[in-house]
C-alpha atoms as a PDB file:
ATOM      1  CA  MET A   1      67.203 147.226 162.029  1.00  0.00           C
ATOM      2  CA  LEU A   2      68.145 149.856 159.499  1.00  0.00           C
ATOM      3  CA  ARG A   3      71.749 149.006 160.119  1.00  0.00           C
ATOM      4  CA  GLU A   4      71.074 145.311 159.473  1.00  0.00           C
ATOM      5  CA  GLN A   5      69.222 146.160 156.300  1.00  0.00           C
ATOM      6  CA  GLN A   6      72.137 148.319 155.127  1.00  0.00           C
ATOM      7  CA  ASP A   7      74.613 145.562 156.008  1.00  0.00           C
ATOM      8  CA  ASP A   8      72.506 143.009 154.113  1.00  0.00           C
ATOM      9  CA  GLU A   9      72.293 145.301 151.079  1.00  0.00           C
ATOM     10  CA  TYR A  10      76.031 145.939 151.270  1.00  0.00           C
ATOM     11  CA  LEU A  11      76.773 142.201 151.459  1.00  0.00           C
ATOM     12  CA  ALA A  12      74.378 141.550 148.571  1.00  0.00           C
ATOM     13  CA  SER A  13      76.126 144.271 146.577  1.00  0.00           C
ATOM     14  CA  LEU A  14      79.532 142.747 147.382  1.00  0.00           C
ATOM     15  CA  GLN A  15      78.238 139.325 146.361  1.00  0.00           C
ATOM     16  CA  ALA A  16      76.856 140.740 143.092  1.00  0.00           C
ATOM     17  CA  ASP A  17      80.195 142.475 142.406  1.00  0.00           C
ATOM     18  CA  LYS A  18      82.067 139.220 143.079  1.00  0.00           C
ATOM     19  CA  GLU A  19      79.740 137.352 140.738  1.00  0.00           C
ATOM     20  CA  LYS A  20      80.204 140.003 138.028  1.00  0.00           C
ATOM     21  CA  GLU A  21      83.969 139.872 138.505  1.00  0.00           C
ATOM     22  CA  PHE A  22      83.903 136.058 138.422  1.00  0.00           C
ATOM     23  CA  LYS A  23      81.784 136.075 135.240  1.00  0.00           C
ATOM     24  CA  ALA A  24      84.115 138.637 133.662  1.00  0.00           C
ATOM     25  CA  MET A  25      87.110 136.453 134.552  1.00  0.00           C
ATOM     26  CA  GLN A  26      85.354 133.398 133.117  1.00  0.00           C
ATOM     27  CA  GLU A  27      84.547 135.305 129.914  1.00  0.00           C
ATOM     28  CA  ALA A  28      88.141 136.562 129.646  1.00  0.00           C
ATOM     29  CA  GLU A  29      89.446 133.012 130.166  1.00  0.00           C
ATOM     30  CA  ARG A  30      86.990 131.665 127.573  1.00  0.00           C
ATOM     31  CA  ARG A  31      88.156 134.314 125.061  1.00  0.00           C
ATOM     32  CA  ARG A  32      91.807 133.584 125.854  1.00  0.00           C
ATOM     33  CA  LEU A  33      91.256 129.862 125.313  1.00  0.00           C
ATOM     34  CA  ALA A  34      89.340 130.522 122.086  1.00  0.00           C
ATOM     35  CA  GLU A  35      92.137 132.776 120.807  1.00  0.00           C
ATOM     36  CA  ALA A  36      94.755 130.203 121.781  1.00  0.00           C
ATOM     37  CA  ALA A  37      92.781 127.496 119.983  1.00  0.00           C
ATOM     38  CA  ALA A  38      92.414 129.713 116.903  1.00  0.00           C
ATOM     39  CA  ILE A  39      96.154 130.422 116.917  1.00  0.00           C
ATOM     40  CA  GLU A  40      96.880 126.711 117.301  1.00  0.00           C
ATOM     41  CA  VAL A  41      94.573 125.904 114.375  1.00  0.00           C
ATOM     42  CA  ALA A  42      96.241 128.585 112.236  1.00  0.00           C
ATOM     43  CA  VAL A  43      99.714 127.303 113.142  1.00  0.00           C
ATOM     44  CA  GLN A  44      98.658 123.723 112.344  1.00  0.00           C
ATOM     45  CA  LYS A  45      97.162 124.823 109.005  1.00  0.00           C
ATOM     46  CA  GLU A  46     100.379 126.634 108.129  1.00  0.00           C
ATOM     47  CA  LYS A  47     102.420 123.587 109.130  1.00  0.00           C
ATOM     48  CA  ASP A  48     100.160 121.306 107.062  1.00  0.00           C
ATOM     49  CA  HIS A  49     100.397 123.698 104.113  1.00  0.00           C
ATOM     50  CA  LYS A  50     104.206 123.720 104.306  1.00  0.00           C
ATOM     51  CA  GLU A  51     104.335 119.928 104.588  1.00  0.00           C
ATOM     52  CA  GLU A  52     101.985 119.565 101.605  1.00  0.00           C
ATOM     53  CA  ALA A  53     104.071 121.999  99.551  1.00  0.00           C
ATOM     54  CA  GLN A  54     107.246 120.132 100.494  1.00  0.00           C
ATOM     55  CA  ARG A  55     105.633 116.784  99.617  1.00  0.00           C
ATOM     56  CA  LYS A  56     104.485 118.115  96.237  1.00  0.00           C
ATOM     57  CA  ASN A  57     107.938 119.542  95.616  1.00  0.00           C
ATOM     58  CA  LEU A  58     109.542 116.173  96.380  1.00  0.00           C
ATOM     59  CA  GLU A  59     107.021 114.400  94.140  1.00  0.00           C
ATOM     60  CA  GLN A  60     107.755 116.854  91.321  1.00  0.00           C
ATOM     61  CA  GLU A  61     111.513 116.380  91.754  1.00  0.00           C
ATOM     62  CA  GLU A  62     111.061 112.594  91.657  1.00  0.00           C
ATOM     63  CA  PHE A  63     108.845 112.912  88.570  1.00  0.00           C
ATOM     64  CA  GLU A  64     111.483 115.066  86.842  1.00  0.00           C
ATOM     65  CA  ARG A  65     114.200 112.584  87.794  1.00  0.00           C
ATOM     66  CA  ILE A  66     112.182 109.694  86.341  1.00  0.00           C
ATOM     67  CA  LEU A  67     111.527 111.617  83.122  1.00  0.00           C
ATOM     68  CA  ALA A  68     115.217 112.483  82.824  1.00  0.00           C
ATOM     69  CA  ALA A  69     116.091 108.797  83.244  1.00  0.00           C
ATOM     70  CA  LYS A  70     113.523 107.855  80.591  1.00  0.00           C
ATOM     71  CA  GLN A  71     114.926 110.524  78.261  1.00  0.00           C
ATOM     72  CA  ALA A  72     118.435 109.180  78.764  1.00  0.00           C
ATOM     73  CA  SER A  73     117.304 105.586  78.147  1.00  0.00           C
ATOM     74  CA  LEU A  74     115.642 106.336  74.793  1.00  0.00           C
ATOM     75  CA  PRO A  75     117.586 104.805  71.912  1.00  0.00           C
ATOM     76  CA  LEU A  76     118.796 106.995  69.089  1.00  0.00           C
ATOM     77  CA  GLU A  77     116.219 107.461  66.367  1.00  0.00           C
ATOM     78  CA  PRO A  78     117.118 105.343  63.331  1.00  0.00           C
ATOM     79  CA  THR A  79     117.299 106.890  59.878  1.00  0.00           C
ATOM     80  CA  PRO A  80     114.292 106.592  57.542  1.00  0.00           C
ATOM     81  CA  GLU A  81     116.393 104.460  55.199  1.00  0.00           C
ATOM     82  CA  ASP A  82     117.072 101.820  57.852  1.00  0.00           C
ATOM     83  CA  GLU A  83     115.311  98.591  56.811  1.00  0.00           C
ATOM     84  CA  ASN A  84     114.715  97.644  60.437  1.00  0.00           C
ATOM     85  CA  SER A  85     113.028 100.925  61.368  1.00  0.00           C
ATOM     86  CA  VAL A  86     109.337 101.455  62.035  1.00  0.00           C
ATOM     87  CA  THR A  87     107.689 104.869  62.160  1.00  0.00           C
ATOM     88  CA  LEU A  88     105.093 104.826  64.924  1.00  0.00           C
ATOM     89  CA  LEU A  89     102.423 107.511  64.703  1.00  0.00           C
ATOM     90  CA  VAL A  90     100.285 107.984  67.789  1.00  0.00           C
ATOM     91  CA  ARG A  91      96.963 109.808  67.573  1.00  0.00           C
ATOM     92  CA  LEU A  92      96.162 111.609  70.802  1.00  0.00           C
ATOM     93  CA  PRO A  93      92.653 112.076  72.245  1.00  0.00           C
ATOM     94  CA  ASP A  94      92.604 115.728  71.102  1.00  0.00           C
ATOM     95  CA  GLY A  95      93.163 114.620  67.484  1.00  0.00           C
ATOM     96  CA  SER A  96      96.795 115.680  67.258  1.00  0.00           C
ATOM     97  CA  ARG A  97      99.533 113.239  66.341  1.00  0.00           C
ATOM     98  CA  CYS A  98     103.087 112.590  67.345  1.00  0.00           C
ATOM     99  CA  GLY A  99     105.494 110.138  65.859  1.00  0.00           C
ATOM    100  CA  ARG A 100     108.992 108.756  66.003  1.00  0.00           C
ATOM    101  CA  ARG A 101     111.051 106.051  64.365  1.00  0.00           C
ATOM    102  CA  PHE A 102     112.169 103.007  66.318  1.00  0.00           C
ATOM    103  CA  LEU A 103     113.943  99.801  65.407  1.00  0.00           C
ATOM    104  CA  LYS A 104     111.789  96.675  65.150  1.00  0.00           C
ATOM    105  CA  SER A 105     113.992  95.212  67.874  1.00  0.00           C
ATOM    106  CA  ASP A 106     113.230  98.113  70.265  1.00  0.00           C
ATOM    107  CA  LYS A 107     110.853  97.420  73.120  1.00  0.00           C
ATOM    108  CA  LEU A 108     107.373  98.922  73.229  1.00  0.00           C
ATOM    109  CA  GLN A 109     108.452 100.490  76.541  1.00  0.00           C
ATOM    110  CA  PHE A 110     110.583 102.948  74.565  1.00  0.00           C
ATOM    111  CA  LEU A 111     107.427 104.293  72.902  1.00  0.00           C
ATOM    112  CA  TYR A 112     105.791 104.689  76.325  1.00  0.00           C
ATOM    113  CA  ASP A 113     108.931 106.468  77.565  1.00  0.00           C
ATOM    114  CA  TYR A 114     108.934 108.727  74.490  1.00  0.00           C
ATOM    115  CA  LEU A 115     105.304 109.708  75.120  1.00  0.00           C
ATOM    116  CA  ASP A 116     105.972 110.271  78.840  1.00  0.00           C
ATOM    117  CA  VAL A 117     109.012 112.465  78.139  1.00  0.00           C
ATOM    118  CA  GLY A 118     106.973 114.517  75.666  1.00  0.00           C
ATOM    119  CA  ARG A 119     104.571 115.406  78.514  1.00  0.00           C
ATOM    120  CA  LEU A 120     101.611 115.068  76.194  1.00  0.00           C
ATOM    121  CA  VAL A 121      99.736 112.971  78.747  1.00  0.00           C
ATOM    122  CA  LYS A 122     100.319 111.968  82.354  1.00  0.00           C
ATOM    123  CA  PRO A 123     102.465 108.822  82.605  1.00  0.00           C
ATOM    124  CA  GLY A 124     100.463 105.729  83.466  1.00  0.00           C
ATOM    125  CA  SER A 125      97.134 107.357  82.589  1.00  0.00           C
ATOM    126  CA  TYR A 126      96.780 105.871  79.116  1.00  0.00           C
ATOM    127  CA  ARG A 127      97.052 102.776  76.969  1.00  0.00           C
ATOM    128  CA  LEU A 128      98.103 102.274  73.380  1.00  0.00           C
ATOM    129  CA  VAL A 129      95.675 100.664  70.953  1.00  0.00           C
ATOM    130  CA  ARG A 130      96.195  99.342  67.446  1.00  0.00           C
ATOM    131  CA  PRO A 131      93.098 100.255  65.410  1.00  0.00           C
ATOM    132  CA  TYR A 132      92.979  97.321  62.980  1.00  0.00           C
ATOM    133  CA  PRO A 133      92.820  94.626  63.993  1.00  0.00           C
ATOM    134  CA  ARG A 134      91.885  96.293  67.276  1.00  0.00           C
ATOM    135  CA  ARG A 135      94.318  95.416  70.005  1.00  0.00           C
ATOM    136  CA  SER A 136      95.161  97.078  73.309  1.00  0.00           C
ATOM    137  CA  PHE A 137      98.737  96.686  74.427  1.00  0.00           C
ATOM    138  CA  THR A 138      99.139  95.709  78.080  1.00  0.00           C
ATOM    139  CA  ASP A 139     101.839  96.691  80.553  1.00  0.00           C
ATOM    140  CA  GLU A 140     103.231  93.163  80.386  1.00  0.00           C
ATOM    141  CA  GLU A 141     103.729  93.538  76.623  1.00  0.00           C
ATOM    142  CA  SER A 142     105.788  96.699  77.060  1.00  0.00           C
ATOM    143  CA  GLN A 143     108.911  94.554  77.467  1.00  0.00           C
ATOM    144  CA  LEU A 144     108.355  92.838  74.098  1.00  0.00           C
ATOM    145  CA  SER A 145     109.957  94.151  70.932  1.00  0.00           C
ATOM    146  CA  LEU A 146     107.933  95.931  68.279  1.00  0.00           C
ATOM    147  CA  GLY A 147     108.627  92.999  65.952  1.00  0.00           C
ATOM    148  CA  GLU A 148     107.288  90.508  68.510  1.00  0.00           C
ATOM    149  CA  LEU A 149     104.122  92.602  68.807  1.00  0.00           C
ATOM    150  CA  GLY A 150     103.573  92.624  65.043  1.00  0.00           C
ATOM    151  CA  LEU A 151     104.434  96.299  64.584  1.00  0.00           C
ATOM    152  CA  THR A 152     106.664  95.618  61.588  1.00  0.00           C
ATOM    153  CA  SER A 153     105.310  97.754  58.731  1.00  0.00           C
ATOM    154  CA  LYS A 154     107.353 100.746  57.653  1.00  0.00           C
ATOM    155  CA  GLN A 155     104.693 102.924  59.308  1.00  0.00           C
ATOM    156  CA  GLU A 156     102.262 101.938  62.055  1.00  0.00           C
ATOM    157  CA  ALA A 157      99.395 103.957  63.529  1.00  0.00           C
ATOM    158  CA  LEU A 158      98.305 103.649  67.143  1.00  0.00           C
ATOM    159  CA  PHE A 159      95.698 105.415  69.247  1.00  0.00           C
ATOM    160  CA  LEU A 160      96.351 106.708  72.723  1.00  0.00           C
ATOM    161  CA  GLU A 161      93.337 106.105  74.971  1.00  0.00           C
ATOM    162  CA  ILE A 162      93.040 107.705  78.385  1.00  0.00           C
ATOM    163  CA  ILE A 163      92.147 105.187  81.096  1.00  0.00           C
END
């Protein structure tokens, strides 16, 4: 009887040891899987970060290429004495002004290109407005000449409004 009791206690002890060992193995596996998942998340974040940086770099290169093309397409500035020249002054939202002379036959797009190249505002984020009589110039009108748009005085003032 004592022997049976000792055998039962021994078997119970073995069973408890196996359960502890099994639980320890489960815990170790759980930790290993958690670490592997954390490493995978970190690797994915790094990959995403690199892809985002590369995408931004490509966007910036494209932006610079577009600005260089706009710079190259700008016509030469006419002299102040030229009868067909118009000085366009643009008041910016911060109150500052910038200006340049264009020919009356030049397209309004050249003024947009000039403002874009100057990096005063983000391209496409603004519109040009004539204060009196108030008139907003649309994208479709950018292909019309300054003369066709009525910007024919020796000096014209426009406002730049952020949209």
